[in-house]
Amino acid sequence: MAVFYDELVEYGDWVEYKSYGPVWFPTKVEMGWRPYLDGRWVPTAQGWVFETQEPWGWATYHFGNWIPTTEYGWVWVPGGTWYPSTVTWRASTKKGQEALGWAPVPPPEYEPEPAFAPPGGFPPETPVQ
C-alpha cells in the first residue's frame, strides 16, 4: 500500500471510503473522466493489457479495482496482485452494428449505489474492425 500511496499522491487524493479502507481517485483529470478510456488495448501472452499515458496507470489498471461513487466519481481500491486488466468484456454481434465494449470489474465486496450513473456516463463501445 505504501508504494501506491507515495507514487500516486502527486496525481490524486487518498480517502477512507466505506469498508474499502483507503481508496484513491485522480484529481488532475477532466470532468467526466473514467477508467480504461484514455489508452489502448494490447494483446500479450498474459491477456489483453491496457496501455495508457496516464502516469498512474501502471498501478491502477493492473493492481486492484475501480468503483463508481457519488462522492468522488471513480475511485481505485488498491490490490496486491498484478492482473493484465480488471475489466469484463461485452460483444454485440448484431449484423452491421458489431461492437466490443468493456467495463471495470469491482472488488467482490462491492455493493452498487442505487440508481447510479458514473460521472461522464459509461464508456462507449468500440466498433470492431
Foldseek 3Di string as FASTA:
>chain_A
DVVLCVQCVVFWDWDQDDPLGTKTDGDPDDWQDDPPPAFDWDQDPQGTATDHPPSSCVFQFFAFWWDADPPGFIIGRGHDGGHSGQWDKDWDPPPPQTWIDIDIDHPPVDDDDPPDATTNGDDDTHHDD
